[in-house]
Amino acid sequence: MLTMGFNSPSSAATPARFVFEYPPSPGQFVVELTDESKIQKARDILSGKEKDATHILGRIIKRPADYNPNWSYQLDPNSISFFQMAIEVCDASIQYTEDHLDEAGGAFLPGAFWCPWNSRLVKEIS
């Protein structure tokens, strides 16, 4: 299943934050979700209930977020979704994206859409 669409939030919720990794690359990245259905989907991924669309996809914002202090960028919470398979042009590791952030939105990560293929949710944080 190829999923690239973005929907408007189905229902506003108290923001929830989730950590993902991009094995085998080092580092962790935090995303904030503000849509109740996406928050539930992330929790289903962590519990093992969701086994198919488990990777992160979203649009990069080129500024740091207070909840993600190790990186110079964040994902727009309204753009985040989960996918099973996606096109190669949006794949990059967390560190590679940081190192080439000035190029994101051009030939590198067109439209600033980032879909780290190896992304793996590891925990919810408060």
PDB file of N, CA and C in Angstrom:
ATOM      1  N   MET A   1       0.844  -1.161   0.000  1.00  0.00           N
ATOM      2  CA  MET A   1       0.000   0.000   0.000  1.00  0.00           C
ATOM      3  C   MET A   1       0.893   1.227   0.000  1.00  0.00           C
ATOM      4  N   LEU A   2       0.663   2.151  -0.944  1.00  0.00           N
ATOM      5  CA  LEU A   2       1.405   3.399  -1.017  1.00  0.00           C
ATOM      6  C   LEU A   2       0.520   4.488  -0.473  1.00  0.00           C
ATOM      7  N   THR A   3       0.973   5.159   0.579  1.00  0.00           N
ATOM      8  CA  THR A   3       0.190   6.204   1.202  1.00  0.00           C
ATOM      9  C   THR A   3       0.999   7.482   1.224  1.00  0.00           C
ATOM     10  N   MET A   4       0.543   8.506   0.537  1.00  0.00           N
ATOM     11  CA  MET A   4       1.261   9.775   0.499  1.00  0.00           C
ATOM     12  C   MET A   4       0.334  10.946   0.795  1.00  0.00           C
ATOM     13  N   GLY A   5      -0.941  10.721   1.004  1.00  0.00           N
ATOM     14  CA  GLY A   5      -1.878  11.813   1.197  1.00  0.00           C
ATOM     15  C   GLY A   5      -1.830  12.378   2.597  1.00  0.00           C
ATOM     16  N   PHE A   6      -2.226  13.630   2.693  1.00  0.00           N
ATOM     17  CA  PHE A   6      -2.290  14.282   3.991  1.00  0.00           C
ATOM     18  C   PHE A   6      -3.716  14.734   4.207  1.00  0.00           C
ATOM     19  N   ASN A   7      -4.226  14.467   5.360  1.00  0.00           N
ATOM     20  CA  ASN A   7      -5.579  14.850   5.696  1.00  0.00           C
ATOM     21  C   ASN A   7      -5.540  15.919   6.761  1.00  0.00           C
ATOM     22  N   SER A   8      -6.589  16.716   6.802  1.00  0.00           N
ATOM     23  CA  SER A   8      -6.681  17.667   7.894  1.00  0.00           C
ATOM     24  C   SER A   8      -6.993  16.884   9.162  1.00  0.00           C
ATOM     25  N   PRO A   9      -6.639  17.434  10.310  1.00  0.00           N
ATOM     26  CA  PRO A   9      -6.869  16.699  11.547  1.00  0.00           C
ATOM     27  C   PRO A   9      -8.333  16.314  11.712  1.00  0.00           C
ATOM     28  N   SER A  10      -8.575  15.065  12.083  1.00  0.00           N
ATOM     29  CA  SER A  10      -9.943  14.603  12.260  1.00  0.00           C
ATOM     30  C   SER A  10     -10.508  15.083  13.587  1.00  0.00           C
ATOM     31  N   SER A  11      -9.663  15.219  14.568  1.00  0.00           N
ATOM     32  CA  SER A  11     -10.109  15.767  15.839  1.00  0.00           C
ATOM     33  C   SER A  11      -8.898  16.245  16.619  1.00  0.00           C
ATOM     34  N   ALA A  12      -9.020  17.444  17.146  1.00  0.00           N
ATOM     35  CA  ALA A  12      -7.923  18.002  17.923  1.00  0.00           C
ATOM     36  C   ALA A  12      -7.769  17.214  19.213  1.00  0.00           C
ATOM     37  N   ALA A  13      -6.558  17.060  19.638  1.00  0.00           N
ATOM     38  CA  ALA A  13      -6.276  16.287  20.843  1.00  0.00           C
ATOM     39  C   ALA A  13      -5.163  16.974  21.612  1.00  0.00           C
ATOM     40  N   THR A  14      -4.969  16.544  22.838  1.00  0.00           N
ATOM     41  CA  THR A  14      -3.801  16.980  23.585  1.00  0.00           C
ATOM     42  C   THR A  14      -2.588  16.429  22.857  1.00  0.00           C
ATOM     43  N   PRO A  15      -1.614  17.281  22.523  1.00  0.00           N
ATOM     44  CA  PRO A  15      -0.454  16.783  21.774  1.00  0.00           C
ATOM     45  C   PRO A  15       0.228  15.606  22.473  1.00  0.00           C
ATOM     46  N   ALA A  16       0.685  14.677  21.661  1.00  0.00           N
ATOM     47  CA  ALA A  16       1.439  13.524  22.153  1.00  0.00           C
ATOM     48  C   ALA A  16       2.733  13.459  21.353  1.00  0.00           C
ATOM     49  N   ARG A  17       3.803  13.053  22.019  1.00  0.00           N
ATOM     50  CA  ARG A  17       5.118  13.004  21.381  1.00  0.00           C
ATOM     51  C   ARG A  17       5.632  11.574  21.337  1.00  0.00           C
ATOM     52  N   PHE A  18       6.242  11.255  20.197  1.00  0.00           N
ATOM     53  CA  PHE A  18       6.741   9.912  19.958  1.00  0.00           C
ATOM     54  C   PHE A  18       8.160   9.982  19.432  1.00  0.00           C
ATOM     55  N   VAL A  19       8.964   9.018  19.821  1.00  0.00           N
ATOM     56  CA  VAL A  19      10.359   8.931  19.400  1.00  0.00           C
ATOM     57  C   VAL A  19      10.472   7.853  18.332  1.00  0.00           C
ATOM     58  N   PHE A  20      11.220   8.181  17.268  1.00  0.00           N
ATOM     59  CA  PHE A  20      11.539   7.142  16.300  1.00  0.00           C
ATOM     60  C   PHE A  20      13.030   7.106  16.035  1.00  0.00           C
ATOM     61  N   GLU A  21      13.472   5.952  15.573  1.00  0.00           N
ATOM     62  CA  GLU A  21      14.867   5.723  15.187  1.00  0.00           C
ATOM     63  C   GLU A  21      14.893   5.365  13.711  1.00  0.00           C
ATOM     64  N   TYR A  22      16.093   5.391  13.141  1.00  0.00           N
ATOM     65  CA  TYR A  22      16.311   5.027  11.746  1.00  0.00           C
ATOM     66  C   TYR A  22      17.474   4.047  11.699  1.00  0.00           C
ATOM     67  N   PRO A  23      17.231   2.794  12.133  1.00  0.00           N
ATOM     68  CA  PRO A  23      18.323   1.819  12.165  1.00  0.00           C
ATOM     69  C   PRO A  23      18.869   1.553  10.760  1.00  0.00           C
ATOM     70  N   PRO A  24      20.156   1.343  10.627  1.00  0.00           N
ATOM     71  CA  PRO A  24      21.160   1.208  11.673  1.00  0.00           C
ATOM     72  C   PRO A  24      21.821   2.529  12.049  1.00  0.00           C
ATOM     73  N   SER A  25      21.348   3.653  11.501  1.00  0.00           N
ATOM     74  CA  SER A  25      21.944   4.950  11.824  1.00  0.00           C
ATOM     75  C   SER A  25      21.690   5.317  13.279  1.00  0.00           C
ATOM     76  N   PRO A  26      22.639   6.016  13.897  1.00  0.00           N
ATOM     77  CA  PRO A  26      22.444   6.433  15.290  1.00  0.00           C
ATOM     78  C   PRO A  26      21.469   7.608  15.380  1.00  0.00           C
ATOM     79  N   GLY A  27      20.983   7.856  16.558  1.00  0.00           N
ATOM     80  CA  GLY A  27      20.142   9.015  16.813  1.00  0.00           C
ATOM     81  C   GLY A  27      18.669   8.682  16.883  1.00  0.00           C
ATOM     82  N   GLN A  28      17.962   9.554  17.569  1.00  0.00           N
ATOM     83  CA  GLN A  28      16.515   9.439  17.699  1.00  0.00           C
ATOM     84  C   GLN A  28      15.908  10.784  17.340  1.00  0.00           C
ATOM     85  N   PHE A  29      14.672  10.753  16.884  1.00  0.00           N
ATOM     86  CA  PHE A  29      13.964  11.956  16.456  1.00  0.00           C
ATOM     87  C   PHE A  29      12.594  11.944  17.110  1.00  0.00           C
ATOM     88  N   VAL A  30      12.144  13.100  17.574  1.00  0.00           N
ATOM     89  CA  VAL A  30      10.849  13.213  18.243  1.00  0.00           C
ATOM     90  C   VAL A  30       9.861  13.909  17.310  1.00  0.00           C
ATOM     91  N   VAL A  31       8.670  13.355  17.217  1.00  0.00           N
ATOM     92  CA  VAL A  31       7.584  13.996  16.481  1.00  0.00           C
ATOM     93  C   VAL A  31       6.447  14.277  17.444  1.00  0.00           C
ATOM     94  N   GLU A  32       5.712  15.341  17.150  1.00  0.00           N
ATOM     95  CA  GLU A  32       4.544  15.685  17.947  1.00  0.00           C
ATOM     96  C   GLU A  32       3.301  15.477  17.088  1.00  0.00           C
ATOM     97  N   LEU A  33       2.359  14.751  17.630  1.00  0.00           N
ATOM     98  CA  LEU A  33       1.087  14.518  16.955  1.00  0.00           C
ATOM     99  C   LEU A  33      -0.005  15.274  17.690  1.00  0.00           C
ATOM    100  N   THR A  34      -0.918  15.869  16.924  1.00  0.00           N
ATOM    101  CA  THR A  34      -1.992  16.662  17.512  1.00  0.00           C
ATOM    102  C   THR A  34      -3.372  16.177  17.083  1.00  0.00           C
ATOM    103  N   ASP A  35      -3.412  15.137  16.281  1.00  0.00           N
ATOM    104  CA  ASP A  35      -4.658  14.573  15.781  1.00  0.00           C
ATOM    105  C   ASP A  35      -4.927  13.254  16.514  1.00  0.00           C
ATOM    106  N   GLU A  36      -6.103  13.129  17.087  1.00  0.00           N
ATOM    107  CA  GLU A  36      -6.425  11.957  17.909  1.00  0.00           C
ATOM    108  C   GLU A  36      -6.274  10.644  17.143  1.00  0.00           C
ATOM    109  N   SER A  37      -6.693  10.604  15.890  1.00  0.00           N
ATOM    110  CA  SER A  37      -6.588   9.347  15.141  1.00  0.00           C
ATOM    111  C   SER A  37      -5.129   8.985  14.861  1.00  0.00           C
ATOM    112  N   LYS A  38      -4.285   9.980  14.616  1.00  0.00           N
ATOM    113  CA  LYS A  38      -2.859   9.713  14.387  1.00  0.00           C
ATOM    114  C   LYS A  38      -2.161   9.308  15.685  1.00  0.00           C
ATOM    115  N   ILE A  39      -2.571   9.909  16.785  1.00  0.00           N
ATOM    116  CA  ILE A  39      -2.022   9.523  18.090  1.00  0.00           C
ATOM    117  C   ILE A  39      -2.366   8.063  18.371  1.00  0.00           C
ATOM    118  N   GLN A  40      -3.608   7.688  18.113  1.00  0.00           N
ATOM    119  CA  GLN A  40      -4.022   6.298  18.336  1.00  0.00           C
ATOM    120  C   GLN A  40      -3.270   5.356  17.409  1.00  0.00           C
ATOM    121  N   LYS A  41      -3.076   5.768  16.167  1.00  0.00           N
ATOM    122  CA  LYS A  41      -2.330   4.938  15.215  1.00  0.00           C
ATOM    123  C   LYS A  41      -0.908   4.713  15.723  1.00  0.00           C
ATOM    124  N   ALA A  42      -0.253   5.764  16.227  1.00  0.00           N
ATOM    125  CA  ALA A  42       1.107   5.624  16.764  1.00  0.00           C
ATOM    126  C   ALA A  42       1.113   4.676  17.956  1.00  0.00           C
ATOM    127  N   ARG A  43       0.132   4.793  18.809  1.00  0.00           N
ATOM    128  CA  ARG A  43       0.047   3.883  19.960  1.00  0.00           C
ATOM    129  C   ARG A  43      -0.200   2.445  19.507  1.00  0.00           C
ATOM    130  N   ASP A  44      -0.991   2.279  18.465  1.00  0.00           N
ATOM    131  CA  ASP A  44      -1.227   0.936  17.918  1.00  0.00           C
ATOM    132  C   ASP A  44       0.056   0.353  17.328  1.00  0.00           C
ATOM    133  N   ILE A  45       0.868   1.195  16.711  1.00  0.00           N
ATOM    134  CA  ILE A  45       2.158   0.737  16.182  1.00  0.00           C
ATOM    135  C   ILE A  45       3.044   0.266  17.329  1.00  0.00           C
ATOM    136  N   LEU A  46       3.128   1.063  18.377  1.00  0.00           N
ATOM    137  CA  LEU A  46       3.974   0.701  19.524  1.00  0.00           C
ATOM    138  C   LEU A  46       3.501  -0.578  20.205  1.00  0.00           C
ATOM    139  N   SER A  47       2.200  -0.785  20.274  1.00  0.00           N
ATOM    140  CA  SER A  47       1.668  -1.982  20.944  1.00  0.00           C
ATOM    141  C   SER A  47       1.753  -3.228  20.065  1.00  0.00           C
ATOM    142  N   GLY A  48       2.024  -3.042  18.777  1.00  0.00           N
ATOM    143  CA  GLY A  48       2.071  -4.175  17.863  1.00  0.00           C
ATOM    144  C   GLY A  48       0.752  -4.463  17.173  1.00  0.00           C
ATOM    145  N   LYS A  49      -0.283  -3.703  17.516  1.00  0.00           N
ATOM    146  CA  LYS A  49      -1.594  -3.897  16.891  1.00  0.00           C
ATOM    147  C   LYS A  49      -1.542  -3.522  15.407  1.00  0.00           C
ATOM    148  N   GLU A  50      -0.847  -2.435  15.084  1.00  0.00           N
ATOM    149  CA  GLU A  50      -0.658  -2.016  13.682  1.00  0.00           C
ATOM    150  C   GLU A  50       0.667  -2.568  13.197  1.00  0.00           C
ATOM    151  N   LYS A  51       0.613  -3.382  12.156  1.00  0.00           N
ATOM    152  CA  LYS A  51       1.825  -4.036  11.658  1.00  0.00           C
ATOM    153  C   LYS A  51       2.187  -3.629  10.234  1.00  0.00           C
ATOM    154  N   ASP A  52       1.316  -2.919   9.543  1.00  0.00           N
ATOM    155  CA  ASP A  52       1.560  -2.596   8.139  1.00  0.00           C
ATOM    156  C   ASP A  52       2.133  -1.186   7.963  1.00  0.00           C
ATOM    157  N   ALA A  53       1.322  -0.177   8.127  1.00  0.00           N
ATOM    158  CA  ALA A  53       1.754   1.213   7.926  1.00  0.00           C
ATOM    159  C   ALA A  53       2.418   1.713   9.207  1.00  0.00           C
ATOM    160  N   THR A  54       3.723   1.460   9.322  1.00  0.00           N
ATOM    161  CA  THR A  54       4.422   1.724  10.589  1.00  0.00           C
ATOM    162  C   THR A  54       5.546   2.756  10.482  1.00  0.00           C
ATOM    163  N   HIS A  55       5.783   3.289   9.293  1.00  0.00           N
ATOM    164  CA  HIS A  55       6.876   4.245   9.112  1.00  0.00           C
ATOM    165  C   HIS A  55       6.327   5.670   9.048  1.00  0.00           C
ATOM    166  N   ILE A  56       7.149   6.645   9.415  1.00  0.00           N
ATOM    167  CA  ILE A  56       6.758   8.058   9.506  1.00  0.00           C
ATOM    168  C   ILE A  56       6.928   8.774   8.171  1.00  0.00           C
ATOM    169  N   LEU A  57       5.983   9.635   7.858  1.00  0.00           N
ATOM    170  CA  LEU A  57       6.051  10.508   6.693  1.00  0.00           C
ATOM    171  C   LEU A  57       5.541  11.877   7.113  1.00  0.00           C
ATOM    172  N   GLY A  58       6.232  12.930   6.708  1.00  0.00           N
ATOM    173  CA  GLY A  58       5.766  14.270   7.021  1.00  0.00           C
ATOM    174  C   GLY A  58       6.568  15.331   6.296  1.00  0.00           C
ATOM    175  N   ARG A  59       6.117  16.565   6.420  1.00  0.00           N
ATOM    176  CA  ARG A  59       6.774  17.704   5.784  1.00  0.00           C
ATOM    177  C   ARG A  59       7.702  18.379   6.795  1.00  0.00           C
ATOM    178  N   ILE A  60       8.934  18.593   6.371  1.00  0.00           N
ATOM    179  CA  ILE A  60       9.957  19.208   7.221  1.00  0.00           C
ATOM    180  C   ILE A  60       9.694  20.697   7.399  1.00  0.00           C
ATOM    181  N   ILE A  61       9.856  21.150   8.630  1.00  0.00           N
ATOM    182  CA  ILE A  61       9.916  22.571   8.965  1.00  0.00           C
ATOM    183  C   ILE A  61      11.361  22.825   9.370  1.00  0.00           C
ATOM    184  N   LYS A  62      12.009  23.768   8.705  1.00  0.00           N
ATOM    185  CA  LYS A  62      13.442  24.010   8.917  1.00  0.00           C
ATOM    186  C   LYS A  62      13.691  24.941  10.098  1.00  0.00           C
ATOM    187  N   ARG A  63      13.266  24.508  11.251  1.00  0.00           N
ATOM    188  CA  ARG A  63      13.586  25.189  12.511  1.00  0.00           C
ATOM    189  C   ARG A  63      13.431  24.166  13.627  1.00  0.00           C
ATOM    190  N   PRO A  64      14.215  24.316  14.677  1.00  0.00           N
ATOM    191  CA  PRO A  64      14.145  23.334  15.766  1.00  0.00           C
ATOM    192  C   PRO A  64      12.834  23.438  16.542  1.00  0.00           C
ATOM    193  N   ALA A  65      12.512  22.357  17.217  1.00  0.00           N
ATOM    194  CA  ALA A  65      11.364  22.320  18.125  1.00  0.00           C
ATOM    195  C   ALA A  65      11.902  22.092  19.528  1.00  0.00           C
ATOM    196  N   ASP A  66      11.292  22.699  20.517  1.00  0.00           N
ATOM    197  CA  ASP A  66      11.773  22.558  21.897  1.00  0.00           C
ATOM    198  C   ASP A  66      11.764  21.107  22.366  1.00  0.00           C
ATOM    199  N   TYR A  67      10.879  20.295  21.822  1.00  0.00           N
ATOM    200  CA  TYR A  67      10.791  18.883  22.220  1.00  0.00           C
ATOM    201  C   TYR A  67      11.779  17.990  21.461  1.00  0.00           C
ATOM    202  N   ASN A  68      12.522  18.560  20.522  1.00  0.00           N
ATOM    203  CA  ASN A  68      13.448  17.786  19.697  1.00  0.00           C
ATOM    204  C   ASN A  68      14.775  18.548  19.591  1.00  0.00           C
ATOM    205  N   PRO A  69      15.446  18.788  20.730  1.00  0.00           N
ATOM    206  CA  PRO A  69      16.579  19.723  20.780  1.00  0.00           C
ATOM    207  C   PRO A  69      17.835  19.288  20.036  1.00  0.00           C
ATOM    208  N   ASN A  70      17.964  18.046  19.665  1.00  0.00           N
ATOM    209  CA  ASN A  70      19.191  17.589  19.008  1.00  0.00           C
ATOM    210  C   ASN A  70      19.227  17.878  17.516  1.00  0.00           C
ATOM    211  N   TRP A  71      18.131  18.396  16.962  1.00  0.00           N
ATOM    212  CA  TRP A  71      18.043  18.573  15.516  1.00  0.00           C
ATOM    213  C   TRP A  71      17.586  19.980  15.163  1.00  0.00           C
ATOM    214  N   SER A  72      17.967  20.444  13.982  1.00  0.00           N
ATOM    215  CA  SER A  72      17.643  21.796  13.512  1.00  0.00           C
ATOM    216  C   SER A  72      16.325  21.844  12.753  1.00  0.00           C
ATOM    217  N   TYR A  73      15.591  20.767  12.761  1.00  0.00           N
ATOM    218  CA  TYR A  73      14.344  20.692  12.012  1.00  0.00           C
ATOM    219  C   TYR A  73      13.337  19.854  12.783  1.00  0.00           C
ATOM    220  N   GLN A  74      12.110  19.907  12.312  1.00  0.00           N
ATOM    221  CA  GLN A  74      11.013  19.153  12.909  1.00  0.00           C
ATOM    222  C   GLN A  74      10.052  18.753  11.797  1.00  0.00           C
ATOM    223  N   LEU A  75       9.072  17.955  12.125  1.00  0.00           N
ATOM    224  CA  LEU A  75       8.012  17.634  11.172  1.00  0.00           C
ATOM    225  C   LEU A  75       6.751  18.393  11.558  1.00  0.00           C
ATOM    226  N   ASP A  76       6.082  18.946  10.566  1.00  0.00           N
ATOM    227  CA  ASP A  76       4.814  19.633  10.777  1.00  0.00           C
ATOM    228  C   ASP A  76       3.808  18.607  11.302  1.00  0.00           C
ATOM    229  N   PRO A  77       3.308  18.782  12.518  1.00  0.00           N
ATOM    230  CA  PRO A  77       2.381  17.798  13.092  1.00  0.00           C
ATOM    231  C   PRO A  77       1.154  17.532  12.211  1.00  0.00           C
ATOM    232  N   ASN A  78       0.688  18.550  11.482  1.00  0.00           N
ATOM    233  CA  ASN A  78      -0.492  18.376  10.629  1.00  0.00           C
ATOM    234  C   ASN A  78      -0.200  17.567   9.374  1.00  0.00           C
ATOM    235  N   SER A  79       1.078  17.386   9.050  1.00  0.00           N
ATOM    236  CA  SER A  79       1.439  16.663   7.828  1.00  0.00           C
ATOM    237  C   SER A  79       1.809  15.206   8.086  1.00  0.00           C
ATOM    238  N   ILE A  80       1.961  14.824   9.326  1.00  0.00           N
ATOM    239  CA  ILE A  80       2.472  13.490   9.652  1.00  0.00           C
ATOM    240  C   ILE A  80       1.429  12.409   9.385  1.00  0.00           C
ATOM    241  N   SER A  81       1.908  11.349   8.750  1.00  0.00           N
ATOM    242  CA  SER A  81       1.102  10.143   8.564  1.00  0.00           C
ATOM    243  C   SER A  81       2.039   8.947   8.653  1.00  0.00           C
ATOM    244  N   PHE A  82       1.485   7.777   8.497  1.00  0.00           N
ATOM    245  CA  PHE A  82       2.266   6.544   8.586  1.00  0.00           C
ATOM    246  C   PHE A  82       2.110   5.773   7.284  1.00  0.00           C
ATOM    247  N   PHE A  83       3.172   5.090   6.862  1.00  0.00           N
ATOM    248  CA  PHE A  83       3.140   4.388   5.585  1.00  0.00           C
ATOM    249  C   PHE A  83       3.791   3.018   5.696  1.00  0.00           C
ATOM    250  N   GLN A  84       3.483   2.192   4.709  1.00  0.00           N
ATOM    251  CA  GLN A  84       4.102   0.875   4.586  1.00  0.00           C
ATOM    252  C   GLN A  84       5.227   0.938   3.561  1.00  0.00           C
ATOM    253  N   MET A  85       4.955   1.571   2.416  1.00  0.00           N
ATOM    254  CA  MET A  85       5.951   1.751   1.361  1.00  0.00           C
ATOM    255  C   MET A  85       5.777   3.155   0.799  1.00  0.00           C
ATOM    256  N   ALA A  86       6.893   3.762   0.367  1.00  0.00           N
ATOM    257  CA  ALA A  86       6.832   5.102  -0.216  1.00  0.00           C
ATOM    258  C   ALA A  86       7.903   5.219  -1.289  1.00  0.00           C
ATOM    259  N   ILE A  87       7.857   6.306  -2.028  1.00  0.00           N
ATOM    260  CA  ILE A  87       8.827   6.510  -3.095  1.00  0.00           C
ATOM    261  C   ILE A  87      10.202   6.829  -2.525  1.00  0.00           C
ATOM    262  N   GLU A  88      11.235   6.423  -3.247  1.00  0.00           N
ATOM    263  CA  GLU A  88      12.611   6.545  -2.762  1.00  0.00           C
ATOM    264  C   GLU A  88      13.051   7.991  -2.574  1.00  0.00           C
ATOM    265  N   VAL A  89      12.511   8.905  -3.352  1.00  0.00           N
ATOM    266  CA  VAL A  89      12.997  10.281  -3.351  1.00  0.00           C
ATOM    267  C   VAL A  89      12.803  10.986  -1.999  1.00  0.00           C
ATOM    268  N   CYS A  90      11.967  10.444  -1.121  1.00  0.00           N
ATOM    269  CA  CYS A  90      11.753  11.095   0.177  1.00  0.00           C
ATOM    270  C   CYS A  90      12.457  10.367   1.327  1.00  0.00           C
ATOM    271  N   ASP A  91      13.265   9.370   1.012  1.00  0.00           N
ATOM    272  CA  ASP A  91      13.962   8.599   2.046  1.00  0.00           C
ATOM    273  C   ASP A  91      15.313   9.212   2.376  1.00  0.00           C
ATOM    274  N   ALA A  92      15.609   9.325   3.655  1.00  0.00           N
ATOM    275  CA  ALA A  92      16.924   9.763   4.136  1.00  0.00           C
ATOM    276  C   ALA A  92      16.977   9.484   5.630  1.00  0.00           C
ATOM    277  N   SER A  93      18.184   9.284   6.137  1.00  0.00           N
ATOM    278  CA  SER A  93      18.330   9.077   7.577  1.00  0.00           C
ATOM    279  C   SER A  93      18.152  10.405   8.313  1.00  0.00           C
ATOM    280  N   ILE A  94      18.015  10.328   9.607  1.00  0.00           N
ATOM    281  CA  ILE A  94      17.869  11.519  10.442  1.00  0.00           C
ATOM    282  C   ILE A  94      19.100  12.411  10.301  1.00  0.00           C
ATOM    283  N   GLN A  95      20.283  11.831  10.431  1.00  0.00           N
ATOM    284  CA  GLN A  95      21.523  12.613  10.370  1.00  0.00           C
ATOM    285  C   GLN A  95      21.778  13.169   8.971  1.00  0.00           C
ATOM    286  N   TYR A  96      21.522  12.385   7.941  1.00  0.00           N
ATOM    287  CA  TYR A  96      21.726  12.866   6.571  1.00  0.00           C
ATOM    288  C   TYR A  96      20.815  14.057   6.296  1.00  0.00           C
ATOM    289  N   THR A  97      19.586  13.986   6.785  1.00  0.00           N
ATOM    290  CA  THR A  97      18.651  15.095   6.622  1.00  0.00           C
ATOM    291  C   THR A  97      19.189  16.334   7.323  1.00  0.00           C
ATOM    292  N   GLU A  98      19.702  16.176   8.519  1.00  0.00           N
ATOM    293  CA  GLU A  98      20.310  17.301   9.251  1.00  0.00           C
ATOM    294  C   GLU A  98      21.485  17.885   8.467  1.00  0.00           C
ATOM    295  N   ASP A  99      22.348  17.020   7.971  1.00  0.00           N
ATOM    296  CA  ASP A  99      23.553  17.466   7.265  1.00  0.00           C
ATOM    297  C   ASP A  99      23.247  18.169   5.950  1.00  0.00           C
ATOM    298  N   HIS A 100      22.106  17.883   5.358  1.00  0.00           N
ATOM    299  CA  HIS A 100      21.739  18.452   4.054  1.00  0.00           C
ATOM    300  C   HIS A 100      20.443  19.258   4.140  1.00  0.00           C
ATOM    301  N   LEU A 101      20.148  19.785   5.316  1.00  0.00           N
ATOM    302  CA  LEU A 101      18.888  20.486   5.543  1.00  0.00           C
ATOM    303  C   LEU A 101      18.701  21.661   4.593  1.00  0.00           C
ATOM    304  N   ASP A 102      19.788  22.361   4.269  1.00  0.00           N
ATOM    305  CA  ASP A 102      19.680  23.507   3.364  1.00  0.00           C
ATOM    306  C   ASP A 102      19.212  23.098   1.968  1.00  0.00           C
ATOM    307  N   GLU A 103      19.370  21.839   1.611  1.00  0.00           N
ATOM    308  CA  GLU A 103      18.955  21.333   0.299  1.00  0.00           C
ATOM    309  C   GLU A 103      17.538  20.757   0.311  1.00  0.00           C
ATOM    310  N   ALA A 104      16.984  20.521   1.492  1.00  0.00           N
ATOM    311  CA  ALA A 104      15.651  19.912   1.597  1.00  0.00           C
ATOM    312  C   ALA A 104      14.604  20.828   0.974  1.00  0.00           C
ATOM    313  N   GLY A 105      13.726  20.236   0.206  1.00  0.00           N
ATOM    314  CA  GLY A 105      12.686  20.986  -0.482  1.00  0.00           C
ATOM    315  C   GLY A 105      12.997  21.193  -1.952  1.00  0.00           C
ATOM    316  N   GLY A 106      14.252  20.925  -2.343  1.00  0.00           N
ATOM    317  CA  GLY A 106      14.656  21.010  -3.748  1.00  0.00           C
ATOM    318  C   GLY A 106      14.756  19.608  -4.317  1.00  0.00           C
ATOM    319  N   ALA A 107      15.903  19.325  -4.950  1.00  0.00           N
ATOM    320  CA  ALA A 107      16.115  17.976  -5.486  1.00  0.00           C
ATOM    321  C   ALA A 107      16.179  16.953  -4.355  1.00  0.00           C
ATOM    322  N   PHE A 108      16.680  17.382  -3.205  1.00  0.00           N
ATOM    323  CA  PHE A 108      16.702  16.533  -2.009  1.00  0.00           C
ATOM    324  C   PHE A 108      15.390  16.745  -1.265  1.00  0.00           C
ATOM    325  N   LEU A 109      14.663  15.694  -1.060  1.00  0.00           N
ATOM    326  CA  LEU A 109      13.362  15.713  -0.383  1.00  0.00           C
ATOM    327  C   LEU A 109      12.431  16.762  -1.006  1.00  0.00           C
ATOM    328  N   PRO A 110      12.039  16.562  -2.271  1.00  0.00           N
ATOM    329  CA  PRO A 110      11.161  17.518  -2.958  1.00  0.00           C
ATOM    330  C   PRO A 110       9.918  17.849  -2.138  1.00  0.00           C
ATOM    331  N   GLY A 111       9.587  19.132  -2.123  1.00  0.00           N
ATOM    332  CA  GLY A 111       8.437  19.582  -1.354  1.00  0.00           C
ATOM    333  C   GLY A 111       8.650  19.507   0.143  1.00  0.00           C
ATOM    334  N   ALA A 112       9.886  19.201   0.551  1.00  0.00           N
ATOM    335  CA  ALA A 112      10.263  19.033   1.963  1.00  0.00           C
ATOM    336  C   ALA A 112       9.551  17.847   2.611  1.00  0.00           C
ATOM    337  N   PHE A 113       9.090  16.890   1.797  1.00  0.00           N
ATOM    338  CA  PHE A 113       8.473  15.683   2.343  1.00  0.00           C
ATOM    339  C   PHE A 113       9.552  14.663   2.667  1.00  0.00           C
ATOM    340  N   TRP A 114       9.501  14.156   3.879  1.00  0.00           N
ATOM    341  CA  TRP A 114      10.505  13.214   4.378  1.00  0.00           C
ATOM    342  C   TRP A 114       9.804  11.928   4.784  1.00  0.00           C
ATOM    343  N   CYS A 115      10.288  10.816   4.253  1.00  0.00           N
ATOM    344  CA  CYS A 115       9.706   9.509   4.571  1.00  0.00           C
ATOM    345  C   CYS A 115      10.835   8.522   4.871  1.00  0.00           C
ATOM    346  N   PRO A 116      11.457   8.619   6.022  1.00  0.00           N
ATOM    347  CA  PRO A 116      12.558   7.706   6.339  1.00  0.00           C
ATOM    348  C   PRO A 116      12.073   6.253   6.354  1.00  0.00           C
ATOM    349  N   TRP A 117      12.451   5.510   5.317  1.00  0.00           N
ATOM    350  CA  TRP A 117      11.959   4.141   5.129  1.00  0.00           C
ATOM    351  C   TRP A 117      12.206   3.238   6.323  1.00  0.00           C
ATOM    352  N   ASN A 118      13.334   3.397   6.968  1.00  0.00           N
ATOM    353  CA  ASN A 118      13.667   2.527   8.099  1.00  0.00           C
ATOM    354  C   ASN A 118      13.153   3.067   9.425  1.00  0.00           C
ATOM    355  N   SER A 119      12.364   4.134   9.388  1.00  0.00           N
ATOM    356  CA  SER A 119      11.879   4.717  10.641  1.00  0.00           C
ATOM    357  C   SER A 119      11.115   3.671  11.436  1.00  0.00           C
ATOM    358  N   ARG A 120      11.344   3.722  12.741  1.00  0.00           N
ATOM    359  CA  ARG A 120      10.718   2.746  13.641  1.00  0.00           C
ATOM    360  C   ARG A 120      10.366   3.460  14.934  1.00  0.00           C
ATOM    361  N   LEU A 121       9.073   3.568  15.231  1.00  0.00           N
ATOM    362  CA  LEU A 121       8.657   4.160  16.504  1.00  0.00           C
ATOM    363  C   LEU A 121       9.171   3.299  17.638  1.00  0.00           C
ATOM    364  N   VAL A 122       9.735   3.954  18.666  1.00  0.00           N
ATOM    365  CA  VAL A 122      10.271   3.184  19.786  1.00  0.00           C
ATOM    366  C   VAL A 122       9.591   3.488  21.115  1.00  0.00           C
ATOM    367  N   LYS A 123       9.007   4.684  21.252  1.00  0.00           N
ATOM    368  CA  LYS A 123       8.326   4.980  22.521  1.00  0.00           C
ATOM    369  C   LYS A 123       7.533   6.272  22.426  1.00  0.00           C
ATOM    370  N   GLU A 124       6.602   6.416  23.358  1.00  0.00           N
ATOM    371  CA  GLU A 124       5.876   7.665  23.565  1.00  0.00           C
ATOM    372  C   GLU A 124       6.514   8.348  24.765  1.00  0.00           C
ATOM    373  N   ILE A 125       6.677   9.661  24.675  1.00  0.00           N
ATOM    374  CA  ILE A 125       7.280  10.402  25.787  1.00  0.00           C
ATOM    375  C   ILE A 125       6.322  11.491  26.258  1.00  0.00           C
ATOM    376  N   SER A 126       6.555  11.966  27.479  1.00  0.00           N
ATOM    377  CA  SER A 126       5.695  13.041  27.991  1.00  0.00           C
ATOM    378  C   SER A 126       6.468  14.325  28.113  1.00  0.00           C
TER     379      SER A 126
END
